Structure formats: structure tokens, C-alpha cells
PDB file of N, CA and C in Angstrom:
ATOM      1  N   MET A   1     111.089 -19.785 -40.783  1.00  0.00           N
ATOM      2  CA  MET A   1     109.729 -20.679 -40.830  1.00  0.00           C
ATOM      3  C   MET A   1     109.028 -19.495 -41.940  1.00  0.00           C
ATOM      4  N   PRO A   2     108.363 -20.653 -42.821  1.00  0.00           N
ATOM      5  CA  PRO A   2     107.563 -19.635 -44.018  1.00  0.00           C
ATOM      6  C   PRO A   2     106.786 -19.263 -42.878  1.00  0.00           C
ATOM      7  N   LYS A   3     106.091 -17.973 -43.975  1.00  0.00           N
ATOM      8  CA  LYS A   3     104.872 -17.272 -43.087  1.00  0.00           C
ATOM      9  C   LYS A   3     103.256 -18.114 -44.299  1.00  0.00           C
ATOM     10  N   SER A   4     102.399 -18.397 -43.416  1.00  0.00           N
ATOM     11  CA  SER A   4     100.900 -19.083 -43.626  1.00  0.00           C
ATOM     12  C   SER A   4     100.636 -17.476 -44.703  1.00  0.00           C
ATOM     13  N   LYS A   5      99.283 -18.666 -45.397  1.00  0.00           N
ATOM     14  CA  LYS A   5      99.270 -17.625 -46.116  1.00  0.00           C
ATOM     15  C   LYS A   5      97.759 -16.891 -45.461  1.00  0.00           C
ATOM     16  N   VAL A   6      97.271 -15.930 -45.284  1.00  0.00           N
ATOM     17  CA  VAL A   6      96.368 -15.001 -45.359  1.00  0.00           C
ATOM     18  C   VAL A   6      94.878 -15.171 -46.072  1.00  0.00           C
ATOM     19  N   ARG A   7      94.182 -15.344 -45.809  1.00  0.00           N
ATOM     20  CA  ARG A   7      92.969 -15.404 -45.888  1.00  0.00           C
ATOM     21  C   ARG A   7      92.077 -14.235 -45.934  1.00  0.00           C
ATOM     22  N   LYS A   8      91.164 -14.269 -47.494  1.00  0.00           N
ATOM     23  CA  LYS A   8      90.668 -12.647 -47.466  1.00  0.00           C
ATOM     24  C   LYS A   8      89.028 -12.989 -46.288  1.00  0.00           C
ATOM     25  N   LYS A   9      89.032 -11.830 -45.795  1.00  0.00           N
ATOM     26  CA  LYS A   9      87.426 -12.059 -45.169  1.00  0.00           C
ATOM     27  C   LYS A   9      86.712 -11.743 -46.069  1.00  0.00           C
ATOM     28  N   THR A  10      85.524 -12.376 -45.830  1.00  0.00           N
ATOM     29  CA  THR A  10      84.270 -11.878 -46.817  1.00  0.00           C
ATOM     30  C   THR A  10      83.142 -11.204 -45.698  1.00  0.00           C
ATOM     31  N   GLU A  11      82.517 -10.928 -46.302  1.00  0.00           N
ATOM     32  CA  GLU A  11      81.850  -9.235 -45.301  1.00  0.00           C
ATOM     33  C   GLU A  11      80.154 -10.447 -45.245  1.00  0.00           C
ATOM     34  N   PRO A  12      79.915 -10.498 -44.122  1.00  0.00           N
ATOM     35  CA  PRO A  12      78.754 -11.645 -43.326  1.00  0.00           C
ATOM     36  C   PRO A  12      77.733 -10.846 -43.979  1.00  0.00           C
ATOM     37  N   THR A  13      77.093 -11.557 -44.380  1.00  0.00           N
ATOM     38  CA  THR A  13      75.645 -11.764 -45.291  1.00  0.00           C
ATOM     39  C   THR A  13      74.340 -11.868 -44.209  1.00  0.00           C
ATOM     40  N   LEU A  14      73.528 -11.433 -43.963  1.00  0.00           N
ATOM     41  CA  LEU A  14      72.426 -11.587 -43.423  1.00  0.00           C
ATOM     42  C   LEU A  14      71.355 -12.873 -43.899  1.00  0.00           C
ATOM     43  N   ARG A  15      71.189 -13.624 -42.961  1.00  0.00           N
ATOM     44  CA  ARG A  15      70.861 -14.607 -43.113  1.00  0.00           C
ATOM     45  C   ARG A  15      69.658 -14.504 -42.947  1.00  0.00           C
ATOM     46  N   THR A  16      68.637 -15.197 -43.583  1.00  0.00           N
ATOM     47  CA  THR A  16      66.828 -15.043 -43.860  1.00  0.00           C
ATOM     48  C   THR A  16      66.272 -16.530 -43.070  1.00  0.00           C
ATOM     49  N   SER A  17      67.063 -16.985 -43.862  1.00  0.00           N
ATOM     50  CA  SER A  17      66.923 -18.240 -43.081  1.00  0.00           C
ATOM     51  C   SER A  17      67.888 -19.557 -42.941  1.00  0.00           C
ATOM     52  N   THR A  18      67.737 -20.513 -42.261  1.00  0.00           N
ATOM     53  CA  THR A  18      68.707 -21.350 -42.501  1.00  0.00           C
ATOM     54  C   THR A  18      67.782 -22.875 -42.131  1.00  0.00           C
ATOM     55  N   LEU A  19      69.103 -23.758 -41.851  1.00  0.00           N
ATOM     56  CA  LEU A  19      68.877 -25.194 -42.674  1.00  0.00           C
ATOM     57  C   LEU A  19      68.988 -25.977 -41.213  1.00  0.00           C
ATOM     58  N   ALA A  20      67.513 -26.442 -40.853  1.00  0.00           N
ATOM     59  CA  ALA A  20      67.648 -27.543 -39.555  1.00  0.00           C
ATOM     60  C   ALA A  20      68.358 -28.876 -40.088  1.00  0.00           C
ATOM     61  N   PRO A  21      68.636 -29.628 -38.785  1.00  0.00           N
ATOM     62  CA  PRO A  21      69.803 -30.610 -39.015  1.00  0.00           C
ATOM     63  C   PRO A  21      68.815 -31.273 -40.219  1.00  0.00           C
ATOM     64  N   SER A  22      67.440 -31.404 -40.118  1.00  0.00           N
ATOM     65  CA  SER A  22      66.845 -32.495 -41.378  1.00  0.00           C
ATOM     66  C   SER A  22      66.736 -31.416 -42.304  1.00  0.00           C
ATOM     67  N   GLY A  23      67.364 -30.873 -42.804  1.00  0.00           N
ATOM     68  CA  GLY A  23      67.799 -30.519 -44.012  1.00  0.00           C
ATOM     69  C   GLY A  23      66.205 -29.604 -44.430  1.00  0.00           C
ATOM     70  N   HIS A  24      65.385 -28.935 -44.009  1.00  0.00           N
ATOM     71  CA  HIS A  24      64.032 -28.024 -43.845  1.00  0.00           C
ATOM     72  C   HIS A  24      64.597 -26.660 -43.870  1.00  0.00           C
ATOM     73  N   VAL A  25      64.344 -26.029 -44.741  1.00  0.00           N
ATOM     74  CA  VAL A  25      64.551 -24.483 -44.265  1.00  0.00           C
ATOM     75  C   VAL A  25      63.684 -23.969 -43.579  1.00  0.00           C
ATOM     76  N   VAL A  26      64.173 -23.496 -42.278  1.00  0.00           N
ATOM     77  CA  VAL A  26      63.584 -22.683 -41.047  1.00  0.00           C
ATOM     78  C   VAL A  26      63.572 -20.802 -41.242  1.00  0.00           C
ATOM     79  N   ARG A  27      62.720 -20.078 -41.749  1.00  0.00           N
ATOM     80  CA  ARG A  27      62.123 -19.183 -41.600  1.00  0.00           C
ATOM     81  C   ARG A  27      62.178 -18.423 -40.485  1.00  0.00           C
ATOM     82  N   PRO A  28      62.679 -17.237 -39.949  1.00  0.00           N
ATOM     83  CA  PRO A  28      62.752 -16.227 -38.797  1.00  0.00           C
ATOM     84  C   PRO A  28      60.534 -16.343 -38.768  1.00  0.00           C
ATOM     85  N   SER A  29      60.739 -16.700 -37.488  1.00  0.00           N
ATOM     86  CA  SER A  29      59.045 -16.180 -36.887  1.00  0.00           C
ATOM     87  C   SER A  29      58.556 -14.815 -36.773  1.00  0.00           C
ATOM     88  N   PRO A  30      57.366 -14.999 -37.262  1.00  0.00           N
ATOM     89  CA  PRO A  30      56.120 -13.864 -37.472  1.00  0.00           C
ATOM     90  C   PRO A  30      56.901 -12.975 -36.432  1.00  0.00           C
ATOM     91  N   ARG A  31      56.315 -11.408 -36.667  1.00  0.00           N
ATOM     92  CA  ARG A  31      56.626 -10.118 -35.317  1.00  0.00           C
ATOM     93  C   ARG A  31      55.787 -10.766 -34.296  1.00  0.00           C
ATOM     94  N   TRP A  32      54.292 -11.368 -34.522  1.00  0.00           N
ATOM     95  CA  TRP A  32      53.370 -11.217 -33.313  1.00  0.00           C
ATOM     96  C   TRP A  32      54.018 -12.400 -32.781  1.00  0.00           C
ATOM     97  N   TYR A  33      54.485 -13.336 -33.136  1.00  0.00           N
ATOM     98  CA  TYR A  33      55.208 -14.414 -32.151  1.00  0.00           C
ATOM     99  C   TYR A  33      55.312 -14.430 -30.920  1.00  0.00           C
ATOM    100  N   PRO A  34      56.734 -14.034 -31.009  1.00  0.00           N
ATOM    101  CA  PRO A  34      57.230 -13.151 -29.326  1.00  0.00           C
ATOM    102  C   PRO A  34      56.261 -12.936 -28.390  1.00  0.00           C
ATOM    103  N   ILE A  35      55.304 -11.864 -29.041  1.00  0.00           N
ATOM    104  CA  ILE A  35      54.366 -11.076 -28.281  1.00  0.00           C
ATOM    105  C   ILE A  35      53.273 -12.146 -27.700  1.00  0.00           C
ATOM    106  N   VAL A  36      52.809 -13.043 -28.523  1.00  0.00           N
ATOM    107  CA  VAL A  36      51.961 -14.517 -28.103  1.00  0.00           C
ATOM    108  C   VAL A  36      52.312 -15.452 -26.987  1.00  0.00           C
ATOM    109  N   MET A  37      53.804 -15.451 -27.310  1.00  0.00           N
ATOM    110  CA  MET A  37      54.508 -16.228 -26.394  1.00  0.00           C
ATOM    111  C   MET A  37      54.902 -15.850 -25.216  1.00  0.00           C
ATOM    112  N   ALA A  38      54.852 -14.571 -25.159  1.00  0.00           N
ATOM    113  CA  ALA A  38      54.868 -14.147 -23.561  1.00  0.00           C
ATOM    114  C   ALA A  38      53.524 -13.687 -22.942  1.00  0.00           C
ATOM    115  N   ALA A  39      52.427 -13.676 -23.365  1.00  0.00           N
ATOM    116  CA  ALA A  39      51.168 -13.217 -22.992  1.00  0.00           C
ATOM    117  C   ALA A  39      50.993 -14.788 -22.689  1.00  0.00           C
ATOM    118  N   ILE A  40      51.275 -15.772 -23.054  1.00  0.00           N
ATOM    119  CA  ILE A  40      50.592 -16.998 -22.702  1.00  0.00           C
ATOM    120  C   ILE A  40      51.304 -16.864 -21.599  1.00  0.00           C
ATOM    121  N   LEU A  41      52.896 -17.079 -21.336  1.00  0.00           N
ATOM    122  CA  LEU A  41      53.411 -17.216 -19.958  1.00  0.00           C
ATOM    123  C   LEU A  41      53.173 -16.208 -19.143  1.00  0.00           C
ATOM    124  N   VAL A  42      52.906 -15.009 -18.966  1.00  0.00           N
ATOM    125  CA  VAL A  42      52.391 -14.220 -17.678  1.00  0.00           C
ATOM    126  C   VAL A  42      51.165 -14.790 -17.787  1.00  0.00           C
ATOM    127  N   LEU A  43      50.102 -14.761 -18.712  1.00  0.00           N
ATOM    128  CA  LEU A  43      48.890 -15.251 -18.422  1.00  0.00           C
ATOM    129  C   LEU A  43      48.611 -16.742 -17.328  1.00  0.00           C
ATOM    130  N   GLY A  44      49.832 -18.031 -17.903  1.00  0.00           N
ATOM    131  CA  GLY A  44      49.870 -18.890 -16.770  1.00  0.00           C
ATOM    132  C   GLY A  44      50.499 -18.316 -15.559  1.00  0.00           C
ATOM    133  N   LEU A  45      51.383 -17.406 -15.301  1.00  0.00           N
ATOM    134  CA  LEU A  45      52.001 -16.816 -14.162  1.00  0.00           C
ATOM    135  C   LEU A  45      50.624 -16.389 -13.266  1.00  0.00           C
ATOM    136  N   ALA A  46      49.805 -15.245 -13.724  1.00  0.00           N
ATOM    137  CA  ALA A  46      49.124 -14.454 -13.652  1.00  0.00           C
ATOM    138  C   ALA A  46      48.008 -15.541 -12.840  1.00  0.00           C
ATOM    139  N   TRP A  47      47.482 -16.867 -13.251  1.00  0.00           N
ATOM    140  CA  TRP A  47      46.513 -17.676 -13.319  1.00  0.00           C
ATOM    141  C   TRP A  47      47.377 -18.040 -11.669  1.00  0.00           C
ATOM    142  N   ILE A  48      48.074 -18.600 -11.674  1.00  0.00           N
ATOM    143  CA  ILE A  48      48.819 -19.522 -10.279  1.00  0.00           C
ATOM    144  C   ILE A  48      48.728 -18.102  -9.369  1.00  0.00           C
ATOM    145  N   VAL A  49      48.958 -16.745  -9.383  1.00  0.00           N
ATOM    146  CA  VAL A  49      49.251 -15.910  -8.412  1.00  0.00           C
ATOM    147  C   VAL A  49      47.876 -15.431  -8.168  1.00  0.00           C
ATOM    148  N   VAL A  50      46.524 -14.957  -9.208  1.00  0.00           N
ATOM    149  CA  VAL A  50      45.140 -15.163  -8.707  1.00  0.00           C
ATOM    150  C   VAL A  50      44.821 -16.242  -7.534  1.00  0.00           C
ATOM    151  N   TYR A  51      45.159 -17.506  -8.292  1.00  0.00           N
ATOM    152  CA  TYR A  51      44.522 -18.883  -7.341  1.00  0.00           C
ATOM    153  C   TYR A  51      45.059 -18.389  -6.210  1.00  0.00           C
ATOM    154  N   TYR A  52      46.277 -18.413  -5.834  1.00  0.00           N
ATOM    155  CA  TYR A  52      46.888 -18.263  -4.653  1.00  0.00           C
ATOM    156  C   TYR A  52      46.107 -16.683  -3.799  1.00  0.00           C
ATOM    157  N   LEU A  53      46.222 -15.918  -4.253  1.00  0.00           N
ATOM    158  CA  LEU A  53      45.623 -14.226  -3.359  1.00  0.00           C
ATOM    159  C   LEU A  53      44.024 -14.322  -3.729  1.00  0.00           C
ATOM    160  N   ALA A  54      43.699 -15.000  -4.645  1.00  0.00           N
ATOM    161  CA  ALA A  54      41.690 -14.368  -4.054  1.00  0.00           C
ATOM    162  C   ALA A  54      41.346 -16.147  -5.274  1.00  0.00           C
ATOM    163  N   GLY A  55      41.972 -17.056  -5.157  1.00  0.00           N
ATOM    164  CA  GLY A  55      41.342 -18.704  -5.034  1.00  0.00           C
ATOM    165  C   GLY A  55      39.312 -18.705  -4.789  1.00  0.00           C
ATOM    166  N   SER A  56      39.382 -18.480  -3.146  1.00  0.00           N
ATOM    167  CA  SER A  56      38.704 -18.205  -2.850  1.00  0.00           C
ATOM    168  C   SER A  56      37.294 -17.787  -3.219  1.00  0.00           C
ATOM    169  N   SER A  57      37.483 -16.233  -4.107  1.00  0.00           N
ATOM    170  CA  SER A  57      36.483 -15.489  -4.736  1.00  0.00           C
ATOM    171  C   SER A  57      36.104 -15.576  -5.628  1.00  0.00           C
ATOM    172  N   VAL A  58      37.079 -16.202  -6.379  1.00  0.00           N
ATOM    173  CA  VAL A  58      36.526 -16.481  -7.782  1.00  0.00           C
ATOM    174  C   VAL A  58      35.520 -17.963  -7.978  1.00  0.00           C
ATOM    175  N   PRO A  59      34.555 -17.775  -8.757  1.00  0.00           N
ATOM    176  CA  PRO A  59      33.604 -18.825  -9.098  1.00  0.00           C
ATOM    177  C   PRO A  59      34.397 -20.093  -9.475  1.00  0.00           C
ATOM    178  N   LEU A  60      34.970 -19.764 -10.459  1.00  0.00           N
ATOM    179  CA  LEU A  60      35.682 -20.828 -11.683  1.00  0.00           C
ATOM    180  C   LEU A  60      36.716 -21.631 -10.890  1.00  0.00           C
ATOM    181  N   MET A  61      37.861 -20.411  -9.779  1.00  0.00           N
ATOM    182  CA  MET A  61      38.270 -21.112  -9.268  1.00  0.00           C
ATOM    183  C   MET A  61      38.391 -21.951  -8.386  1.00  0.00           C
ATOM    184  N   GLN A  62      37.260 -21.765  -7.491  1.00  0.00           N
ATOM    185  CA  GLN A  62      36.824 -22.513  -6.547  1.00  0.00           C
ATOM    186  C   GLN A  62      36.166 -23.893  -7.110  1.00  0.00           C
ATOM    187  N   ASP A  63      35.590 -23.650  -8.232  1.00  0.00           N
ATOM    188  CA  ASP A  63      35.320 -25.146  -8.383  1.00  0.00           C
ATOM    189  C   ASP A  63      36.360 -26.422  -8.981  1.00  0.00           C
ATOM    190  N   LEU A  64      37.162 -25.292  -9.699  1.00  0.00           N
ATOM    191  CA  LEU A  64      38.556 -26.382 -10.439  1.00  0.00           C
ATOM    192  C   LEU A  64      39.553 -26.807  -9.206  1.00  0.00           C
ATOM    193  N   GLY A  65      39.169 -25.613  -7.767  1.00  0.00           N
ATOM    194  CA  GLY A  65      39.819 -26.234  -6.874  1.00  0.00           C
ATOM    195  C   GLY A  65      41.912 -26.805  -7.152  1.00  0.00           C
ATOM    196  N   ALA A  66      42.276 -27.727  -6.953  1.00  0.00           N
ATOM    197  CA  ALA A  66      43.604 -28.021  -7.044  1.00  0.00           C
ATOM    198  C   ALA A  66      44.187 -27.990  -8.558  1.00  0.00           C
ATOM    199  N   TRP A  67      43.160 -28.469  -9.930  1.00  0.00           N
ATOM    200  CA  TRP A  67      43.441 -28.233 -10.645  1.00  0.00           C
ATOM    201  C   TRP A  67      43.792 -26.733 -11.347  1.00  0.00           C
ATOM    202  N   ASN A  68      43.873 -25.632 -10.835  1.00  0.00           N
ATOM    203  CA  ASN A  68      43.983 -24.563 -10.809  1.00  0.00           C
ATOM    204  C   ASN A  68      45.652 -24.606 -11.636  1.00  0.00           C
ATOM    205  N   PHE A  69      46.371 -25.257 -10.709  1.00  0.00           N
ATOM    206  CA  PHE A  69      47.697 -25.229 -10.914  1.00  0.00           C
ATOM    207  C   PHE A  69      47.714 -25.808 -11.753  1.00  0.00           C
ATOM    208  N   ALA A  70      47.268 -27.053 -12.692  1.00  0.00           N
ATOM    209  CA  ALA A  70      47.293 -27.818 -14.074  1.00  0.00           C
ATOM    210  C   ALA A  70      47.131 -26.365 -15.131  1.00  0.00           C
ATOM    211  N   VAL A  71      46.113 -25.956 -14.983  1.00  0.00           N
ATOM    212  CA  VAL A  71      45.703 -24.813 -15.683  1.00  0.00           C
ATOM    213  C   VAL A  71      46.932 -23.467 -15.888  1.00  0.00           C
ATOM    214  N   GLY A  72      47.533 -23.217 -14.810  1.00  0.00           N
ATOM    215  CA  GLY A  72      48.682 -22.058 -14.868  1.00  0.00           C
ATOM    216  C   GLY A  72      49.897 -22.970 -15.531  1.00  0.00           C
ATOM    217  N   PHE A  73      50.490 -23.948 -14.974  1.00  0.00           N
ATOM    218  CA  PHE A  73      51.496 -24.317 -15.178  1.00  0.00           C
ATOM    219  C   PHE A  73      51.415 -25.049 -17.015  1.00  0.00           C
ATOM    220  N   GLY A  74      49.967 -25.352 -16.751  1.00  0.00           N
ATOM    221  CA  GLY A  74      49.472 -26.066 -18.458  1.00  0.00           C
ATOM    222  C   GLY A  74      50.114 -24.698 -19.420  1.00  0.00           C
ATOM    223  N   LEU A  75      49.752 -23.353 -18.965  1.00  0.00           N
ATOM    224  CA  LEU A  75      49.776 -22.508 -19.893  1.00  0.00           C
ATOM    225  C   LEU A  75      51.137 -22.328 -20.085  1.00  0.00           C
ATOM    226  N   MET A  76      51.707 -21.935 -19.028  1.00  0.00           N
ATOM    227  CA  MET A  76      53.711 -22.100 -18.873  1.00  0.00           C
ATOM    228  C   MET A  76      54.112 -23.017 -19.751  1.00  0.00           C
ATOM    229  N   VAL A  77      53.878 -24.064 -19.888  1.00  0.00           N
ATOM    230  CA  VAL A  77      54.321 -25.061 -20.696  1.00  0.00           C
ATOM    231  C   VAL A  77      53.821 -24.957 -21.932  1.00  0.00           C
ATOM    232  N   ILE A  78      53.148 -24.474 -22.077  1.00  0.00           N
ATOM    233  CA  ILE A  78      52.874 -24.191 -24.199  1.00  0.00           C
ATOM    234  C   ILE A  78      53.499 -22.671 -24.417  1.00  0.00           C
ATOM    235  N   GLY A  79      53.636 -21.497 -23.242  1.00  0.00           N
ATOM    236  CA  GLY A  79      54.489 -20.739 -23.474  1.00  0.00           C
ATOM    237  C   GLY A  79      55.809 -21.130 -24.105  1.00  0.00           C
ATOM    238  N   LEU A  80      56.723 -21.810 -22.963  1.00  0.00           N
ATOM    239  CA  LEU A  80      57.992 -22.367 -23.320  1.00  0.00           C
ATOM    240  C   LEU A  80      58.111 -23.260 -24.290  1.00  0.00           C
ATOM    241  N   GLY A  81      56.823 -24.012 -24.774  1.00  0.00           N
ATOM    242  CA  GLY A  81      56.904 -24.798 -25.947  1.00  0.00           C
ATOM    243  C   GLY A  81      57.499 -24.242 -27.302  1.00  0.00           C
ATOM    244  N   MET A  82      56.366 -22.542 -26.857  1.00  0.00           N
ATOM    245  CA  MET A  82      56.609 -21.385 -28.427  1.00  0.00           C
ATOM    246  C   MET A  82      57.959 -21.077 -28.049  1.00  0.00           C
ATOM    247  N   ALA A  83      58.464 -20.861 -27.142  1.00  0.00           N
ATOM    248  CA  ALA A  83      59.966 -20.231 -26.643  1.00  0.00           C
ATOM    249  C   ALA A  83      60.505 -21.222 -27.688  1.00  0.00           C
ATOM    250  N   VAL A  84      60.830 -22.394 -27.545  1.00  0.00           N
ATOM    251  CA  VAL A  84      61.663 -23.453 -28.172  1.00  0.00           C
ATOM    252  C   VAL A  84      61.548 -23.352 -29.303  1.00  0.00           C
ATOM    253  N   ARG A  85      60.130 -22.945 -29.984  1.00  0.00           N
ATOM    254  CA  ARG A  85      60.385 -22.704 -31.696  1.00  0.00           C
ATOM    255  C   ARG A  85      60.758 -21.317 -31.912  1.00  0.00           C
ATOM    256  N   TRP A  86      60.748 -20.160 -31.514  1.00  0.00           N
ATOM    257  CA  TRP A  86      60.716 -19.218 -31.731  1.00  0.00           C
ATOM    258  C   TRP A  86      62.536 -18.867 -32.738  1.00  0.00           C
ATOM    259  N   HIS A  87      62.502 -18.382 -33.496  1.00  0.00           N
ATOM    260  CA  HIS A  87      63.635 -18.374 -34.835  1.00  0.00           C
ATOM    261  C   HIS A  87      63.274 -16.651 -35.059  1.00  0.00           C
TER     262      HIS A  87
END
């Protein structure tokens, strides 16, 4: 049986950008992006936790009522949307 040819391995290069399926260049996110993303996620979670624990004592949360869930989950959806775009 004949021996197969051995290919030379090239050294991997560090990619600074990649091509998206649409052909656009995708650059890495700035350093502050994951920090802001995590802060928004934690803020949404904290909003819901504070509403559960002390919602009746916080004047703004009393006025919003059940809309506090929309605020908390809305913040978390924004954070998850940022997580999808993070490179």
C-alpha cells in the first residue's frame, strides 16, 4: 500500500478579526464591553431580588407594581443581547 503524503503544519496565527457570514469584518469587542454587559445582567437580577425582598418599602417600586418584573427582565434581556454580540 502506498504511503500518503505528509503535509507541513503551519504555525497558527493570531486572528484580530474574522469574517461574518455576510462578508463583513468582525472586530473584537472593546475591553469595557463585557464589564458593562455583566453589570446590566447583575442590575436586572438585583432589581428583581430587591422587588421581592423590599418592594413594599421602596417608593418607586410601589408605584410600578408588577411592572418591576418587566424592568428586571428587560435589563437582563439587554444584557443577553449584548452577550450575543460579544466577540
